[in-house]
């Protein structure tokens, strides 16, 4: 089981009231919520291995070099008052991230992030190397591109907390989008994604992109059709795709998750007891996490 950790603690932050605070008054709703998420995931899905994948770099320079607008709107911008305004990260969330990392480490739950890469890239690399079935837990549809029935790779998408999960396999992708896993990356590339600063091909929406992929197989097939006067493209489609060649040439590397991240050595086995019980006890006391930590420990021990 591979966790898109930032996606989950971001959801936890908004799903758990900010009245959940440590004894000193510090909000810990994201920490508490994430621990409860993990407890429920272990309980419901019984993974043998679990990795909390982290964003060591949420906006890698190599992606920005290819598409400068990539996640640009999430960078602090100047407001009329001349003060930075961070659009995406609430100011009471970011201080909770180091607490999350310390608690995961004390528990002994593998936590992997690699400089220069996003959590998605770590997930893509681990999913590609895994021998057995893989569940990817994320609230980010970008990872649908990794769905692969033959290898048992599916996405668990939280609809309400993690108690109500949408299981996405190839059948679900085809029903909703008309594509398979790799096809979803091409669909997203053509459609664009304002939340990630990806412009897409103007005039090519999701339904049109799906029809083009069905007709021509993949992105390369679509672009080959642009050069084939006999190919069944409308004049406007041909014109828009032709004008978007520069974008289409670089976008695949930006949109597709990396599968060759140089991962550090780590143990993905889900622990049955805390790696550092004293440190965990101290953290639980400091941040008021005793009940949430105990529930997770009980669930981990039950697996042993």
C-alpha atoms as a PDB file:
ATOM      1  CA  UNK A   1       0.000   0.000   0.000  1.00  0.00           C
ATOM      2  CA  UNK A   2       1.440   3.321  -1.161  1.00  0.00           C
ATOM      3  CA  UNK A   3       0.159   6.488   0.472  1.00  0.00           C
ATOM      4  CA  UNK A   4       0.135   9.817  -1.306  1.00  0.00           C
ATOM      5  CA  UNK A   5       0.786  11.279   2.114  1.00  0.00           C
ATOM      6  CA  UNK A   6       0.358  14.984   1.379  1.00  0.00           C
ATOM      7  CA  UNK A   7      -2.948  14.323  -0.375  1.00  0.00           C
ATOM      8  CA  UNK A   8      -4.203  12.434   2.681  1.00  0.00           C
ATOM      9  CA  UNK A   9      -3.052  14.860   5.358  1.00  0.00           C
ATOM     10  CA  UNK A  10      -4.417  17.750   3.299  1.00  0.00           C
ATOM     11  CA  UNK A  11      -7.811  16.009   3.312  1.00  0.00           C
ATOM     12  CA  UNK A  12      -7.443  15.257   7.005  1.00  0.00           C
ATOM     13  CA  UNK A  13      -6.727  18.931   7.666  1.00  0.00           C
ATOM     14  CA  UNK A  14     -10.037  19.950   6.134  1.00  0.00           C
ATOM     15  CA  UNK A  15     -11.954  16.920   7.413  1.00  0.00           C
ATOM     16  CA  UNK A  16     -10.998  17.152  11.080  1.00  0.00           C
ATOM     17  CA  UNK A  17     -11.977  20.311  13.023  1.00  0.00           C
ATOM     18  CA  UNK A  18      -9.113  22.665  13.844  1.00  0.00           C
ATOM     19  CA  UNK A  19     -10.383  22.590  17.413  1.00  0.00           C
ATOM     20  CA  UNK A  20      -8.321  19.384  17.674  1.00  0.00           C
ATOM     21  CA  UNK A  21      -5.234  20.811  19.354  1.00  0.00           C
ATOM     22  CA  UNK A  22      -2.203  19.816  21.376  1.00  0.00           C
ATOM     23  CA  UNK A  23      -2.004  20.703  25.081  1.00  0.00           C
ATOM     24  CA  UNK A  24      -0.129  23.901  24.162  1.00  0.00           C
ATOM     25  CA  UNK A  25      -2.889  24.953  21.738  1.00  0.00           C
ATOM     26  CA  UNK A  26      -1.116  23.965  18.489  1.00  0.00           C
ATOM     27  CA  UNK A  27      -3.565  22.603  15.877  1.00  0.00           C
ATOM     28  CA  UNK A  28      -2.913  18.900  15.206  1.00  0.00           C
ATOM     29  CA  UNK A  29      -6.019  18.053  13.202  1.00  0.00           C
ATOM     30  CA  UNK A  30      -4.016  16.943  10.143  1.00  0.00           C
ATOM     31  CA  UNK A  31      -1.783  14.723  12.296  1.00  0.00           C
ATOM     32  CA  UNK A  32      -4.719  13.166  14.120  1.00  0.00           C
ATOM     33  CA  UNK A  33      -6.683  12.711  10.906  1.00  0.00           C
ATOM     34  CA  UNK A  34      -3.791  11.045   9.086  1.00  0.00           C
ATOM     35  CA  UNK A  35      -3.235   8.586  11.938  1.00  0.00           C
ATOM     36  CA  UNK A  36      -6.923   7.724  11.871  1.00  0.00           C
ATOM     37  CA  UNK A  37      -6.753   7.300   8.084  1.00  0.00           C
ATOM     38  CA  UNK A  38      -3.859   4.864   8.408  1.00  0.00           C
ATOM     39  CA  UNK A  39      -5.615   2.929  11.174  1.00  0.00           C
ATOM     40  CA  UNK A  40      -8.705   2.498   9.001  1.00  0.00           C
ATOM     41  CA  UNK A  41      -6.673   1.539   5.930  1.00  0.00           C
ATOM     42  CA  UNK A  42      -4.773  -1.148   7.867  1.00  0.00           C
ATOM     43  CA  UNK A  43      -8.008  -2.417   9.369  1.00  0.00           C
ATOM     44  CA  UNK A  44      -9.947  -2.541   6.097  1.00  0.00           C
ATOM     45  CA  UNK A  45      -7.251  -3.624   3.629  1.00  0.00           C
ATOM     46  CA  UNK A  46      -4.683  -5.554   5.695  1.00  0.00           C
ATOM     47  CA  UNK A  47      -1.558  -4.540   3.733  1.00  0.00           C
ATOM     48  CA  UNK A  48       1.674  -6.457   4.376  1.00  0.00           C
ATOM     49  CA  UNK A  49       3.733  -3.440   3.379  1.00  0.00           C
ATOM     50  CA  UNK A  50       2.919   0.247   3.627  1.00  0.00           C
ATOM     51  CA  UNK A  51       4.963   3.240   2.486  1.00  0.00           C
ATOM     52  CA  UNK A  52       4.152   6.868   3.245  1.00  0.00           C
ATOM     53  CA  UNK A  53       5.390   8.577   0.068  1.00  0.00           C
ATOM     54  CA  UNK A  54       6.413  12.206   0.579  1.00  0.00           C
ATOM     55  CA  UNK A  55       6.844  15.321  -1.569  1.00  0.00           C
ATOM     56  CA  UNK A  56      10.534  16.116  -1.145  1.00  0.00           C
ATOM     57  CA  UNK A  57       9.960  18.625  -3.955  1.00  0.00           C
ATOM     58  CA  UNK A  58       6.354  19.414  -4.855  1.00  0.00           C
ATOM     59  CA  UNK A  59       7.391  21.498  -7.900  1.00  0.00           C
ATOM     60  CA  UNK A  60      10.580  19.975  -9.355  1.00  0.00           C
ATOM     61  CA  UNK A  61      12.661  22.368 -11.417  1.00  0.00           C
ATOM     62  CA  UNK A  62      12.995  19.879 -14.259  1.00  0.00           C
ATOM     63  CA  UNK A  63       9.229  19.954 -14.731  1.00  0.00           C
ATOM     64  CA  UNK A  64       9.116  23.754 -14.500  1.00  0.00           C
ATOM     65  CA  UNK A  65      11.897  23.998 -17.094  1.00  0.00           C
ATOM     66  CA  UNK A  66       9.674  22.096 -19.532  1.00  0.00           C
ATOM     67  CA  UNK A  67       6.383  23.851 -18.681  1.00  0.00           C
ATOM     68  CA  UNK A  68       6.972  27.095 -16.721  1.00  0.00           C
ATOM     69  CA  UNK A  69       3.307  27.318 -15.689  1.00  0.00           C
ATOM     70  CA  UNK A  70       3.532  23.989 -13.848  1.00  0.00           C
ATOM     71  CA  UNK A  71       1.952  24.589 -10.423  1.00  0.00           C
ATOM     72  CA  UNK A  72       2.906  28.251 -10.796  1.00  0.00           C
ATOM     73  CA  UNK A  73      -0.351  29.450  -9.231  1.00  0.00           C
ATOM     74  CA  UNK A  74       0.568  27.643  -6.009  1.00  0.00           C
ATOM     75  CA  UNK A  75       3.691  29.711  -5.549  1.00  0.00           C
ATOM     76  CA  UNK A  76       3.386  32.724  -3.250  1.00  0.00           C
ATOM     77  CA  UNK A  77       2.241  35.714  -5.271  1.00  0.00           C
ATOM     78  CA  UNK A  78       2.272  39.390  -4.499  1.00  0.00           C
ATOM     79  CA  UNK A  79      -1.053  40.736  -3.280  1.00  0.00           C
ATOM     80  CA  UNK A  80      -2.169  44.338  -3.648  1.00  0.00           C
ATOM     81  CA  UNK A  81      -0.690  44.988  -0.227  1.00  0.00           C
ATOM     82  CA  UNK A  82       2.633  43.628  -1.401  1.00  0.00           C
ATOM     83  CA  UNK A  83       2.497  40.649   0.953  1.00  0.00           C
ATOM     84  CA  UNK A  84       2.915  37.006  -0.025  1.00  0.00           C
ATOM     85  CA  UNK A  85      -0.321  35.090  -0.308  1.00  0.00           C
ATOM     86  CA  UNK A  86       0.099  31.319  -0.333  1.00  0.00           C
ATOM     87  CA  UNK A  87      -2.959  29.986  -2.089  1.00  0.00           C
ATOM     88  CA  UNK A  88      -2.748  26.303  -1.368  1.00  0.00           C
ATOM     89  CA  UNK A  89      -1.117  25.641   2.007  1.00  0.00           C
ATOM     90  CA  UNK A  90      -3.040  26.921   5.026  1.00  0.00           C
ATOM     91  CA  UNK A  91      -0.700  28.426   7.572  1.00  0.00           C
ATOM     92  CA  UNK A  92      -1.743  26.000  10.313  1.00  0.00           C
ATOM     93  CA  UNK A  93      -1.087  22.952   8.139  1.00  0.00           C
ATOM     94  CA  UNK A  94       2.585  23.315   7.222  1.00  0.00           C
ATOM     95  CA  UNK A  95       3.771  23.304  10.877  1.00  0.00           C
ATOM     96  CA  UNK A  96       2.050  19.942  11.319  1.00  0.00           C
ATOM     97  CA  UNK A  97       4.089  18.204   8.619  1.00  0.00           C
ATOM     98  CA  UNK A  98       7.263  17.775  10.749  1.00  0.00           C
ATOM     99  CA  UNK A  99       5.086  16.303  13.518  1.00  0.00           C
ATOM    100  CA  UNK A 100       3.610  13.814  11.046  1.00  0.00           C
ATOM    101  CA  UNK A 101       7.105  12.814   9.947  1.00  0.00           C
ATOM    102  CA  UNK A 102       8.342  12.337  13.514  1.00  0.00           C
ATOM    103  CA  UNK A 103       5.329  10.233  14.487  1.00  0.00           C
ATOM    104  CA  UNK A 104       5.611   8.006  11.403  1.00  0.00           C
ATOM    105  CA  UNK A 105       9.316   7.481  12.098  1.00  0.00           C
ATOM    106  CA  UNK A 106       8.703   6.590  15.753  1.00  0.00           C
ATOM    107  CA  UNK A 107       6.003   4.148  14.688  1.00  0.00           C
ATOM    108  CA  UNK A 108       8.352   2.537  12.182  1.00  0.00           C
ATOM    109  CA  UNK A 109       6.150   3.205   9.162  1.00  0.00           C
ATOM    110  CA  UNK A 110       8.350   3.645   6.109  1.00  0.00           C
ATOM    111  CA  UNK A 111       8.513   7.241   4.911  1.00  0.00           C
ATOM    112  CA  UNK A 112      10.141   7.885   1.540  1.00  0.00           C
ATOM    113  CA  UNK A 113      10.814  11.148  -0.236  1.00  0.00           C
ATOM    114  CA  UNK A 114      13.584  11.871  -2.739  1.00  0.00           C
ATOM    115  CA  UNK A 115      15.099  15.278  -3.498  1.00  0.00           C
ATOM    116  CA  UNK A 116      13.993  16.602  -6.874  1.00  0.00           C
ATOM    117  CA  UNK A 117      10.894  14.412  -7.062  1.00  0.00           C
ATOM    118  CA  UNK A 118       7.261  14.499  -6.063  1.00  0.00           C
ATOM    119  CA  UNK A 119       5.492  11.809  -4.058  1.00  0.00           C
ATOM    120  CA  UNK A 120       3.792  10.752  -7.306  1.00  0.00           C
ATOM    121  CA  UNK A 121       7.200   9.847  -8.737  1.00  0.00           C
ATOM    122  CA  UNK A 122       8.111   7.790  -5.675  1.00  0.00           C
ATOM    123  CA  UNK A 123       4.765   6.015  -5.966  1.00  0.00           C
ATOM    124  CA  UNK A 124       5.281   5.373  -9.674  1.00  0.00           C
ATOM    125  CA  UNK A 125       8.732   3.896  -9.091  1.00  0.00           C
ATOM    126  CA  UNK A 126       7.593   1.681  -6.207  1.00  0.00           C
ATOM    127  CA  UNK A 127       4.483   0.522  -8.083  1.00  0.00           C
ATOM    128  CA  UNK A 128       6.627  -0.377 -11.083  1.00  0.00           C
ATOM    129  CA  UNK A 129       9.036  -2.423  -8.984  1.00  0.00           C
ATOM    130  CA  UNK A 130       6.445  -4.242  -6.866  1.00  0.00           C
ATOM    131  CA  UNK A 131       6.014  -7.946  -7.455  1.00  0.00           C
ATOM    132  CA  UNK A 132       2.573  -8.258  -5.925  1.00  0.00           C
ATOM    133  CA  UNK A 133      -0.693  -6.315  -5.944  1.00  0.00           C
ATOM    134  CA  UNK A 134      -0.438  -2.613  -5.105  1.00  0.00           C
ATOM    135  CA  UNK A 135      -3.049  -0.286  -3.641  1.00  0.00           C
ATOM    136  CA  UNK A 136      -2.306   3.411  -4.168  1.00  0.00           C
ATOM    137  CA  UNK A 137      -4.225   5.625  -1.747  1.00  0.00           C
ATOM    138  CA  UNK A 138      -4.615   9.144  -3.097  1.00  0.00           C
ATOM    139  CA  UNK A 139      -7.054  11.971  -3.627  1.00  0.00           C
ATOM    140  CA  UNK A 140      -5.167  12.924  -6.804  1.00  0.00           C
ATOM    141  CA  UNK A 141      -6.561  11.541 -10.052  1.00  0.00           C
ATOM    142  CA  UNK A 142      -3.182  12.016 -11.741  1.00  0.00           C
ATOM    143  CA  UNK A 143      -2.192   8.624 -10.333  1.00  0.00           C
ATOM    144  CA  UNK A 144      -4.913   6.864 -12.318  1.00  0.00           C
ATOM    145  CA  UNK A 145      -2.219   6.553 -14.980  1.00  0.00           C
ATOM    146  CA  UNK A 146      -0.603   3.802 -12.884  1.00  0.00           C
ATOM    147  CA  UNK A 147      -3.676   1.549 -12.854  1.00  0.00           C
ATOM    148  CA  UNK A 148      -2.733  -1.830 -14.309  1.00  0.00           C
ATOM    149  CA  UNK A 149      -5.001  -4.865 -13.914  1.00  0.00           C
ATOM    150  CA  UNK A 150      -2.359  -7.292 -15.159  1.00  0.00           C
ATOM    151  CA  UNK A 151      -0.040  -6.289 -12.312  1.00  0.00           C
ATOM    152  CA  UNK A 152      -2.771  -5.751  -9.743  1.00  0.00           C
ATOM    153  CA  UNK A 153      -2.178  -1.997  -9.410  1.00  0.00           C
ATOM    154  CA  UNK A 154      -5.299  -0.052  -8.462  1.00  0.00           C
ATOM    155  CA  UNK A 155      -6.114   3.321  -6.916  1.00  0.00           C
ATOM    156  CA  UNK A 156      -8.152   3.754  -3.745  1.00  0.00           C
ATOM    157  CA  UNK A 157      -9.679   7.212  -3.958  1.00  0.00           C
ATOM    158  CA  UNK A 158     -11.225   8.578  -0.744  1.00  0.00           C
ATOM    159  CA  UNK A 159     -14.754   9.853  -1.253  1.00  0.00           C
ATOM    160  CA  UNK A 160     -15.515  10.521   2.406  1.00  0.00           C
ATOM    161  CA  UNK A 161     -12.630  10.098   4.827  1.00  0.00           C
ATOM    162  CA  UNK A 162     -11.081   6.737   4.052  1.00  0.00           C
ATOM    163  CA  UNK A 163     -14.066   4.762   5.244  1.00  0.00           C
ATOM    164  CA  UNK A 164     -15.698   5.233   1.847  1.00  0.00           C
ATOM    165  CA  UNK A 165     -13.181   4.489  -0.889  1.00  0.00           C
ATOM    166  CA  UNK A 166     -13.677   4.400  -4.640  1.00  0.00           C
ATOM    167  CA  UNK A 167     -11.683   1.506  -6.065  1.00  0.00           C
ATOM    168  CA  UNK A 168     -10.365   2.423  -9.484  1.00  0.00           C
ATOM    169  CA  UNK A 169      -9.234  -0.362 -11.793  1.00  0.00           C
ATOM    170  CA  UNK A 170      -9.137  -0.517 -15.592  1.00  0.00           C
ATOM    171  CA  UNK A 171     -12.863  -1.257 -15.847  1.00  0.00           C
ATOM    172  CA  UNK A 172     -13.667   1.828 -13.773  1.00  0.00           C
ATOM    173  CA  UNK A 173     -11.336   3.984 -15.876  1.00  0.00           C
ATOM    174  CA  UNK A 174     -12.849   2.782 -19.125  1.00  0.00           C
ATOM    175  CA  UNK A 175     -16.364   3.332 -17.844  1.00  0.00           C
ATOM    176  CA  UNK A 176     -15.708   6.895 -16.695  1.00  0.00           C
ATOM    177  CA  UNK A 177     -13.013   8.116 -19.103  1.00  0.00           C
ATOM    178  CA  UNK A 178     -12.878   5.586 -21.934  1.00  0.00           C
ATOM    179  CA  UNK A 179      -9.156   4.906 -21.419  1.00  0.00           C
ATOM    180  CA  UNK A 180      -6.813   2.571 -19.564  1.00  0.00           C
ATOM    181  CA  UNK A 181      -4.077   3.631 -17.121  1.00  0.00           C
ATOM    182  CA  UNK A 182      -1.443   4.850 -19.611  1.00  0.00           C
ATOM    183  CA  UNK A 183      -4.246   6.364 -21.669  1.00  0.00           C
ATOM    184  CA  UNK A 184      -5.269   8.484 -18.693  1.00  0.00           C
ATOM    185  CA  UNK A 185      -1.916  10.316 -18.793  1.00  0.00           C
ATOM    186  CA  UNK A 186      -2.481  11.157 -22.476  1.00  0.00           C
ATOM    187  CA  UNK A 187      -6.063  12.215 -21.708  1.00  0.00           C
ATOM    188  CA  UNK A 188      -4.889  14.513 -18.899  1.00  0.00           C
ATOM    189  CA  UNK A 189      -2.161  15.970 -21.099  1.00  0.00           C
ATOM    190  CA  UNK A 190      -4.579  16.824 -23.903  1.00  0.00           C
ATOM    191  CA  UNK A 191      -7.362  18.045 -21.615  1.00  0.00           C
ATOM    192  CA  UNK A 192      -5.064  20.072 -19.399  1.00  0.00           C
ATOM    193  CA  UNK A 193      -5.347  20.592 -15.667  1.00  0.00           C
ATOM    194  CA  UNK A 194      -5.705  24.122 -14.267  1.00  0.00           C
ATOM    195  CA  UNK A 195      -4.950  22.876 -10.744  1.00  0.00           C
ATOM    196  CA  UNK A 196      -1.477  21.845 -11.924  1.00  0.00           C
ATOM    197  CA  UNK A 197      -0.943  24.725 -14.335  1.00  0.00           C
ATOM    198  CA  UNK A 198      -1.102  22.450 -17.397  1.00  0.00           C
ATOM    199  CA  UNK A 199      -2.652  24.347 -20.330  1.00  0.00           C
ATOM    200  CA  UNK A 200      -3.660  21.328 -22.395  1.00  0.00           C
ATOM    201  CA  UNK A 201      -4.542  21.685 -26.064  1.00  0.00           C
ATOM    202  CA  UNK A 202      -6.997  24.585 -26.492  1.00  0.00           C
ATOM    203  CA  UNK A 203     -10.379  23.339 -27.647  1.00  0.00           C
ATOM    204  CA  UNK A 204      -9.658  19.711 -26.751  1.00  0.00           C
ATOM    205  CA  UNK A 205     -11.733  18.823 -23.703  1.00  0.00           C
ATOM    206  CA  UNK A 206     -11.996  15.527 -21.874  1.00  0.00           C
ATOM    207  CA  UNK A 207     -14.626  13.955 -24.145  1.00  0.00           C
ATOM    208  CA  UNK A 208     -12.838  14.978 -27.336  1.00  0.00           C
ATOM    209  CA  UNK A 209      -9.520  13.722 -25.967  1.00  0.00           C
ATOM    210  CA  UNK A 210     -11.105  10.352 -25.130  1.00  0.00           C
ATOM    211  CA  UNK A 211     -12.560  10.060 -28.648  1.00  0.00           C
ATOM    212  CA  UNK A 212      -9.213  10.912 -30.230  1.00  0.00           C
ATOM    213  CA  UNK A 213      -7.437   8.312 -28.097  1.00  0.00           C
ATOM    214  CA  UNK A 214     -10.053   5.718 -29.013  1.00  0.00           C
ATOM    215  CA  UNK A 215      -9.608   6.508 -32.705  1.00  0.00           C
ATOM    216  CA  UNK A 216      -5.815   6.770 -32.835  1.00  0.00           C
ATOM    217  CA  UNK A 217      -4.594   4.693 -29.884  1.00  0.00           C
ATOM    218  CA  UNK A 218      -2.281   7.057 -28.044  1.00  0.00           C
ATOM    219  CA  UNK A 219      -0.728  10.504 -28.165  1.00  0.00           C
ATOM    220  CA  UNK A 220       1.816   9.490 -30.803  1.00  0.00           C
ATOM    221  CA  UNK A 221      -0.983   8.098 -32.959  1.00  0.00           C
ATOM    222  CA  UNK A 222      -2.958  11.315 -32.647  1.00  0.00           C
ATOM    223  CA  UNK A 223       0.003  13.464 -33.655  1.00  0.00           C
ATOM    224  CA  UNK A 224       0.746  11.142 -36.577  1.00  0.00           C
ATOM    225  CA  UNK A 225      -2.847  11.659 -37.685  1.00  0.00           C
ATOM    226  CA  UNK A 226      -2.275  15.415 -37.732  1.00  0.00           C
ATOM    227  CA  UNK A 227       0.313  14.828 -40.472  1.00  0.00           C
ATOM    228  CA  UNK A 228      -1.934  12.410 -42.371  1.00  0.00           C
ATOM    229  CA  UNK A 229      -4.400  14.274 -44.597  1.00  0.00           C
ATOM    230  CA  UNK A 230      -6.520  11.124 -44.812  1.00  0.00           C
ATOM    231  CA  UNK A 231      -6.919  10.816 -41.048  1.00  0.00           C
ATOM    232  CA  UNK A 232     -10.383  11.546 -39.726  1.00  0.00           C
ATOM    233  CA  UNK A 233      -9.770  14.762 -37.835  1.00  0.00           C
ATOM    234  CA  UNK A 234     -11.943  17.842 -38.096  1.00  0.00           C
ATOM    235  CA  UNK A 235     -10.188  20.895 -39.523  1.00  0.00           C
ATOM    236  CA  UNK A 236     -10.327  22.626 -36.134  1.00  0.00           C
ATOM    237  CA  UNK A 237      -8.887  19.575 -34.326  1.00  0.00           C
ATOM    238  CA  UNK A 238      -6.063  19.311 -36.834  1.00  0.00           C
ATOM    239  CA  UNK A 239      -5.291  23.029 -36.523  1.00  0.00           C
ATOM    240  CA  UNK A 240      -5.350  23.060 -32.709  1.00  0.00           C
ATOM    241  CA  UNK A 241      -3.179  19.967 -32.376  1.00  0.00           C
ATOM    242  CA  UNK A 242      -0.739  21.290 -34.960  1.00  0.00           C
ATOM    243  CA  UNK A 243      -0.438  24.598 -33.118  1.00  0.00           C
ATOM    244  CA  UNK A 244       0.140  22.745 -29.832  1.00  0.00           C
ATOM    245  CA  UNK A 245       3.138  20.717 -31.071  1.00  0.00           C
ATOM    246  CA  UNK A 246       5.629  22.460 -28.781  1.00  0.00           C
ATOM    247  CA  UNK A 247       3.462  21.740 -25.734  1.00  0.00           C
ATOM    248  CA  UNK A 248       2.754  18.151 -26.791  1.00  0.00           C
ATOM    249  CA  UNK A 249       6.478  17.524 -27.275  1.00  0.00           C
ATOM    250  CA  UNK A 250       7.384  18.309 -23.659  1.00  0.00           C
ATOM    251  CA  UNK A 251       4.183  17.638 -21.719  1.00  0.00           C
ATOM    252  CA  UNK A 252       4.502  13.838 -21.506  1.00  0.00           C
ATOM    253  CA  UNK A 253       7.599  14.096 -19.308  1.00  0.00           C
ATOM    254  CA  UNK A 254       5.781  16.542 -17.032  1.00  0.00           C
ATOM    255  CA  UNK A 255       2.460  14.690 -16.823  1.00  0.00           C
ATOM    256  CA  UNK A 256       3.705  11.118 -16.584  1.00  0.00           C
ATOM    257  CA  UNK A 257       5.082  10.099 -13.219  1.00  0.00           C
ATOM    258  CA  UNK A 258       8.743   9.122 -13.139  1.00  0.00           C
ATOM    259  CA  UNK A 259       9.451   5.430 -12.824  1.00  0.00           C
ATOM    260  CA  UNK A 260      13.177   5.614 -12.202  1.00  0.00           C
ATOM    261  CA  UNK A 261      13.511   7.585  -8.962  1.00  0.00           C
ATOM    262  CA  UNK A 262      16.758   6.674  -7.094  1.00  0.00           C
ATOM    263  CA  UNK A 263      15.154   5.382  -3.911  1.00  0.00           C
ATOM    264  CA  UNK A 264      17.004   5.124  -0.596  1.00  0.00           C
ATOM    265  CA  UNK A 265      17.197   1.842   1.273  1.00  0.00           C
ATOM    266  CA  UNK A 266      14.165   1.313   3.514  1.00  0.00           C
ATOM    267  CA  UNK A 267      12.003  -1.432   4.996  1.00  0.00           C
ATOM    268  CA  UNK A 268       8.428  -1.310   3.645  1.00  0.00           C
ATOM    269  CA  UNK A 269       7.120  -3.980   6.032  1.00  0.00           C
ATOM    270  CA  UNK A 270       4.243  -2.738   8.142  1.00  0.00           C
ATOM    271  CA  UNK A 271       5.419  -2.915  11.772  1.00  0.00           C
ATOM    272  CA  UNK A 272       3.523  -4.827  14.443  1.00  0.00           C
ATOM    273  CA  UNK A 273       4.875  -2.594  17.211  1.00  0.00           C
ATOM    274  CA  UNK A 274       6.461   0.829  17.490  1.00  0.00           C
ATOM    275  CA  UNK A 275      10.085   1.151  16.387  1.00  0.00           C
ATOM    276  CA  UNK A 276      10.820   3.688  19.129  1.00  0.00           C
ATOM    277  CA  UNK A 277       8.166   3.277  21.877  1.00  0.00           C
ATOM    278  CA  UNK A 278       9.598   5.957  24.181  1.00  0.00           C
ATOM    279  CA  UNK A 279       9.861   8.557  21.431  1.00  0.00           C
ATOM    280  CA  UNK A 280       6.317   7.720  20.303  1.00  0.00           C
ATOM    281  CA  UNK A 281       5.029   8.055  23.866  1.00  0.00           C
ATOM    282  CA  UNK A 282       6.724  11.435  24.226  1.00  0.00           C
ATOM    283  CA  UNK A 283       5.313  12.688  20.925  1.00  0.00           C
ATOM    284  CA  UNK A 284       1.828  11.439  21.778  1.00  0.00           C
ATOM    285  CA  UNK A 285       1.958  13.296  25.109  1.00  0.00           C
ATOM    286  CA  UNK A 286       3.407  16.484  23.637  1.00  0.00           C
ATOM    287  CA  UNK A 287       0.866  16.731  20.845  1.00  0.00           C
ATOM    288  CA  UNK A 288      -2.181  15.174  22.497  1.00  0.00           C
ATOM    289  CA  UNK A 289      -2.260  12.175  20.168  1.00  0.00           C
ATOM    290  CA  UNK A 290      -2.549   9.411  22.757  1.00  0.00           C
ATOM    291  CA  UNK A 291      -5.852   7.897  21.664  1.00  0.00           C
ATOM    292  CA  UNK A 292      -5.108   8.062  17.943  1.00  0.00           C
ATOM    293  CA  UNK A 293      -1.669   6.491  18.438  1.00  0.00           C
ATOM    294  CA  UNK A 294      -3.057   3.745  20.676  1.00  0.00           C
ATOM    295  CA  UNK A 295      -5.772   2.820  18.183  1.00  0.00           C
ATOM    296  CA  UNK A 296      -3.177   2.474  15.449  1.00  0.00           C
ATOM    297  CA  UNK A 297      -0.853   0.436  17.682  1.00  0.00           C
ATOM    298  CA  UNK A 298      -3.709  -1.934  18.559  1.00  0.00           C
ATOM    299  CA  UNK A 299      -4.456  -2.435  14.863  1.00  0.00           C
ATOM    300  CA  UNK A 300      -0.771  -3.022  14.032  1.00  0.00           C
ATOM    301  CA  UNK A 301      -0.393  -5.515  16.874  1.00  0.00           C
ATOM    302  CA  UNK A 302      -3.499  -7.404  15.735  1.00  0.00           C
ATOM    303  CA  UNK A 303      -1.761  -8.076  12.423  1.00  0.00           C
ATOM    304  CA  UNK A 304       1.146  -9.728  14.239  1.00  0.00           C
END
